[in-house]
Amino acid sequence: MSAPDELTAMAEEELASAIALTWPEIKAVTPWGDSFEGFAPSGRTVEVERRYLWAVEPAGAVVVEVEVRDAAARTGAEARAILAPPR
């Protein structure tokens, strides 16, 4: 797997975890973000950042963003989802 593909796969995997929270849990942590150092499957060190932000559209929705960066290689990848409140 190439370096950009590896970072994209990591971002998508982390996004899947980030949106696995229940709606009350997501609402409770919005707006919020964190970052941490992790390891890519290749073993290199990367920084992972997650953000939960209120969306402009649709009203009441939450934007969940994940970014995985390799600062040394100056590369990165992002994944994003918009979660609408349950009806």
N, C-alpha and C. Protein backbone atom coordinates (compact mmCIF):
# COMPACT_ATOMS: atom_id res chain seq x y z
N MET A 1 0.85 -1.17 0.00
CA MET A 1 0.00 0.00 0.00
C MET A 1 0.90 1.23 0.00
N SER A 2 0.61 2.18 -0.86
CA SER A 2 1.42 3.39 -0.93
C SER A 2 1.14 4.28 0.27
N ALA A 3 2.02 5.22 0.52
CA ALA A 3 1.91 6.11 1.69
C ALA A 3 0.58 6.86 1.72
N PRO A 4 0.17 7.53 0.62
CA PRO A 4 -1.12 8.23 0.68
C PRO A 4 -2.30 7.28 0.90
N ASP A 5 -2.25 6.10 0.27
CA ASP A 5 -3.33 5.12 0.45
C ASP A 5 -3.40 4.65 1.89
N GLU A 6 -2.24 4.47 2.51
CA GLU A 6 -2.18 4.03 3.90
C GLU A 6 -2.82 5.08 4.81
N LEU A 7 -2.54 6.34 4.56
CA LEU A 7 -3.10 7.41 5.38
C LEU A 7 -4.61 7.54 5.15
N THR A 8 -5.04 7.38 3.91
CA THR A 8 -6.48 7.42 3.60
C THR A 8 -7.20 6.28 4.31
N ALA A 9 -6.64 5.09 4.27
CA ALA A 9 -7.25 3.94 4.94
C ALA A 9 -7.32 4.18 6.45
N MET A 10 -6.28 4.76 7.01
CA MET A 10 -6.30 5.07 8.46
C MET A 10 -7.36 6.10 8.79
N ALA A 11 -7.48 7.15 7.95
CA ALA A 11 -8.48 8.18 8.19
C ALA A 11 -9.89 7.60 8.12
N GLU A 12 -10.14 6.75 7.15
CA GLU A 12 -11.46 6.14 7.01
C GLU A 12 -11.77 5.20 8.18
N GLU A 13 -10.77 4.46 8.63
CA GLU A 13 -10.97 3.56 9.77
C GLU A 13 -11.25 4.36 11.05
N GLU A 14 -10.51 5.43 11.26
CA GLU A 14 -10.72 6.27 12.44
C GLU A 14 -12.08 6.96 12.37
N LEU A 15 -12.51 7.37 11.17
CA LEU A 15 -13.83 7.98 11.01
C LEU A 15 -14.92 6.98 11.38
N ALA A 16 -14.78 5.74 10.96
CA ALA A 16 -15.77 4.71 11.30
C ALA A 16 -15.89 4.58 12.82
N SER A 17 -14.78 4.66 13.53
CA SER A 17 -14.82 4.60 15.00
C SER A 17 -15.46 5.86 15.58
N ALA A 18 -15.13 7.01 14.99
CA ALA A 18 -15.63 8.28 15.50
C ALA A 18 -17.14 8.40 15.36
N ILE A 19 -17.71 7.82 14.31
CA ILE A 19 -19.16 7.94 14.11
C ILE A 19 -19.92 6.77 14.71
N ALA A 20 -19.23 5.86 15.35
CA ALA A 20 -19.88 4.71 15.99
C ALA A 20 -20.55 5.08 17.31
N LEU A 21 -20.31 6.29 17.79
CA LEU A 21 -20.96 6.75 19.02
C LEU A 21 -22.46 6.88 18.80
N THR A 22 -23.22 6.80 19.86
CA THR A 22 -24.66 7.04 19.76
C THR A 22 -24.90 8.54 19.57
N TRP A 23 -26.08 8.89 19.09
CA TRP A 23 -26.39 10.31 18.88
C TRP A 23 -26.24 11.12 20.18
N PRO A 24 -26.76 10.66 21.31
CA PRO A 24 -26.55 11.43 22.55
C PRO A 24 -25.07 11.61 22.90
N GLU A 25 -24.24 10.59 22.63
CA GLU A 25 -22.81 10.72 22.90
C GLU A 25 -22.16 11.73 21.96
N ILE A 26 -22.53 11.70 20.69
CA ILE A 26 -21.98 12.66 19.72
C ILE A 26 -22.39 14.07 20.09
N LYS A 27 -23.67 14.25 20.43
CA LYS A 27 -24.17 15.58 20.79
C LYS A 27 -23.44 16.12 22.03
N ALA A 28 -23.12 15.24 22.97
CA ALA A 28 -22.47 15.65 24.21
C ALA A 28 -21.03 16.12 24.00
N VAL A 29 -20.37 15.63 22.95
CA VAL A 29 -18.97 16.01 22.73
C VAL A 29 -18.79 17.08 21.65
N THR A 30 -19.90 17.57 21.09
CA THR A 30 -19.83 18.57 20.03
C THR A 30 -20.03 19.96 20.61
N PRO A 31 -19.23 20.95 20.31
CA PRO A 31 -18.01 20.90 19.51
C PRO A 31 -16.83 20.42 20.35
N TRP A 32 -15.98 19.64 19.71
CA TRP A 32 -14.83 19.08 20.41
C TRP A 32 -13.86 18.50 19.39
N GLY A 33 -12.63 18.39 19.77
CA GLY A 33 -11.62 17.76 18.92
C GLY A 33 -10.47 17.29 19.77
N ASP A 34 -9.72 16.37 19.23
CA ASP A 34 -8.51 15.92 19.91
C ASP A 34 -7.52 15.44 18.87
N SER A 35 -6.29 15.31 19.28
CA SER A 35 -5.28 14.75 18.40
C SER A 35 -4.36 13.86 19.23
N PHE A 36 -3.81 12.88 18.57
CA PHE A 36 -2.91 11.97 19.25
C PHE A 36 -1.92 11.39 18.25
N GLU A 37 -0.81 10.91 18.76
CA GLU A 37 0.20 10.29 17.92
C GLU A 37 -0.09 8.80 17.84
N GLY A 38 0.02 8.27 16.64
CA GLY A 38 -0.21 6.85 16.44
C GLY A 38 0.79 6.29 15.45
N PHE A 39 0.57 5.04 15.08
CA PHE A 39 1.46 4.37 14.14
C PHE A 39 0.67 3.86 12.96
N ALA A 40 1.16 4.14 11.78
CA ALA A 40 0.58 3.61 10.56
C ALA A 40 0.92 2.13 10.46
N PRO A 41 0.19 1.38 9.64
CA PRO A 41 0.51 -0.04 9.48
C PRO A 41 1.97 -0.28 9.07
N SER A 42 2.56 0.67 8.38
CA SER A 42 3.96 0.52 7.97
C SER A 42 4.93 0.75 9.12
N GLY A 43 4.41 1.25 10.24
CA GLY A 43 5.25 1.49 11.41
C GLY A 43 5.68 2.92 11.60
N ARG A 44 5.40 3.77 10.63
CA ARG A 44 5.80 5.18 10.79
C ARG A 44 4.86 5.90 11.74
N THR A 45 5.37 6.94 12.37
CA THR A 45 4.60 7.73 13.32
C THR A 45 3.74 8.74 12.56
N VAL A 46 2.47 8.84 12.93
CA VAL A 46 1.55 9.80 12.31
C VAL A 46 0.78 10.51 13.42
N GLU A 47 0.19 11.63 13.06
CA GLU A 47 -0.69 12.35 13.98
C GLU A 47 -2.13 12.18 13.48
N VAL A 48 -3.01 11.82 14.39
CA VAL A 48 -4.42 11.64 14.06
C VAL A 48 -5.21 12.73 14.78
N GLU A 49 -6.06 13.43 14.04
CA GLU A 49 -6.88 14.49 14.63
C GLU A 49 -8.34 14.21 14.31
N ARG A 50 -9.19 14.29 15.35
CA ARG A 50 -10.65 14.12 15.19
C ARG A 50 -11.34 15.41 15.59
N ARG A 51 -12.40 15.77 14.83
CA ARG A 51 -13.16 16.97 15.14
C ARG A 51 -14.66 16.67 15.03
N TYR A 52 -15.41 17.12 16.02
CA TYR A 52 -16.88 17.05 16.01
C TYR A 52 -17.36 18.50 16.01
N LEU A 53 -18.02 18.93 14.93
CA LEU A 53 -18.44 20.32 14.78
C LEU A 53 -19.91 20.38 14.37
N TRP A 54 -20.60 21.43 14.81
CA TRP A 54 -21.98 21.61 14.38
C TRP A 54 -21.99 21.98 12.90
N ALA A 55 -22.84 21.35 12.13
CA ALA A 55 -22.95 21.61 10.69
C ALA A 55 -23.87 22.80 10.45
N VAL A 56 -23.62 23.52 9.39
CA VAL A 56 -24.51 24.61 8.98
C VAL A 56 -25.77 24.01 8.35
N GLU A 57 -25.59 23.03 7.51
CA GLU A 57 -26.69 22.35 6.83
C GLU A 57 -26.49 20.85 6.96
N PRO A 58 -27.45 20.06 7.22
CA PRO A 58 -28.78 20.43 7.69
C PRO A 58 -28.72 20.89 9.15
N ALA A 59 -29.68 21.68 9.52
CA ALA A 59 -29.72 22.23 10.88
C ALA A 59 -29.71 21.11 11.91
N GLY A 60 -28.87 21.28 12.93
CA GLY A 60 -28.79 20.30 14.01
C GLY A 60 -27.86 19.13 13.75
N ALA A 61 -27.28 19.07 12.54
CA ALA A 61 -26.39 17.96 12.19
C ALA A 61 -24.98 18.22 12.75
N VAL A 62 -24.19 17.17 12.76
CA VAL A 62 -22.81 17.25 13.24
C VAL A 62 -21.88 16.79 12.11
N VAL A 63 -20.82 17.56 11.90
CA VAL A 63 -19.78 17.17 10.95
C VAL A 63 -18.68 16.49 11.75
N VAL A 64 -18.31 15.29 11.34
CA VAL A 64 -17.21 14.57 11.98
C VAL A 64 -16.07 14.50 10.96
N GLU A 65 -14.92 15.04 11.35
CA GLU A 65 -13.76 15.07 10.46
C GLU A 65 -12.59 14.35 11.11
N VAL A 66 -11.86 13.61 10.31
CA VAL A 66 -10.65 12.94 10.78
C VAL A 66 -9.54 13.26 9.80
N GLU A 67 -8.39 13.62 10.35
CA GLU A 67 -7.22 13.89 9.52
C GLU A 67 -6.05 13.07 10.06
N VAL A 68 -5.34 12.42 9.16
CA VAL A 68 -4.14 11.65 9.52
C VAL A 68 -2.98 12.30 8.77
N ARG A 69 -1.95 12.72 9.53
CA ARG A 69 -0.82 13.43 8.93
C ARG A 69 0.50 12.76 9.25
N ASP A 70 1.36 12.75 8.26
CA ASP A 70 2.76 12.37 8.45
C ASP A 70 3.55 13.66 8.26
N ALA A 71 3.89 14.31 9.36
CA ALA A 71 4.56 15.61 9.29
C ALA A 71 5.92 15.50 8.62
N ALA A 72 6.64 14.42 8.87
CA ALA A 72 7.97 14.26 8.28
C ALA A 72 7.91 14.18 6.76
N ALA A 73 6.91 13.51 6.24
CA ALA A 73 6.77 13.35 4.80
C ALA A 73 5.91 14.44 4.17
N ARG A 74 5.34 15.29 5.01
CA ARG A 74 4.44 16.36 4.56
C ARG A 74 3.29 15.81 3.71
N THR A 75 2.69 14.74 4.20
CA THR A 75 1.54 14.14 3.53
C THR A 75 0.42 13.96 4.54
N GLY A 76 -0.78 13.78 4.04
CA GLY A 76 -1.90 13.55 4.93
C GLY A 76 -3.13 13.13 4.15
N ALA A 77 -4.15 12.76 4.89
CA ALA A 77 -5.42 12.36 4.29
C ALA A 77 -6.54 12.73 5.26
N GLU A 78 -7.71 13.00 4.70
CA GLU A 78 -8.87 13.35 5.52
C GLU A 78 -10.06 12.49 5.14
N ALA A 79 -10.92 12.31 6.12
CA ALA A 79 -12.21 11.64 5.91
C ALA A 79 -13.25 12.44 6.67
N ARG A 80 -14.48 12.48 6.16
CA ARG A 80 -15.50 13.37 6.73
C ARG A 80 -16.87 12.74 6.57
N ALA A 81 -17.72 12.97 7.57
CA ALA A 81 -19.10 12.50 7.52
C ALA A 81 -19.99 13.56 8.14
N ILE A 82 -21.20 13.69 7.63
CA ILE A 82 -22.21 14.57 8.22
C ILE A 82 -23.30 13.67 8.78
N LEU A 83 -23.53 13.83 10.09
CA LEU A 83 -24.53 13.01 10.77
C LEU A 83 -25.74 13.86 11.11
N ALA A 84 -26.88 13.50 10.56
CA ALA A 84 -28.12 14.20 10.85
C ALA A 84 -28.72 13.66 12.14
N PRO A 85 -29.38 14.53 12.90
CA PRO A 85 -30.00 14.05 14.14
C PRO A 85 -31.12 13.05 13.82
N PRO A 86 -31.33 12.09 14.71
CA PRO A 86 -32.42 11.14 14.47
C PRO A 86 -33.77 11.85 14.49
N ARG A 87 -34.71 11.31 13.75
CA ARG A 87 -36.05 11.93 13.69
C ARG A 87 -37.00 11.18 14.57
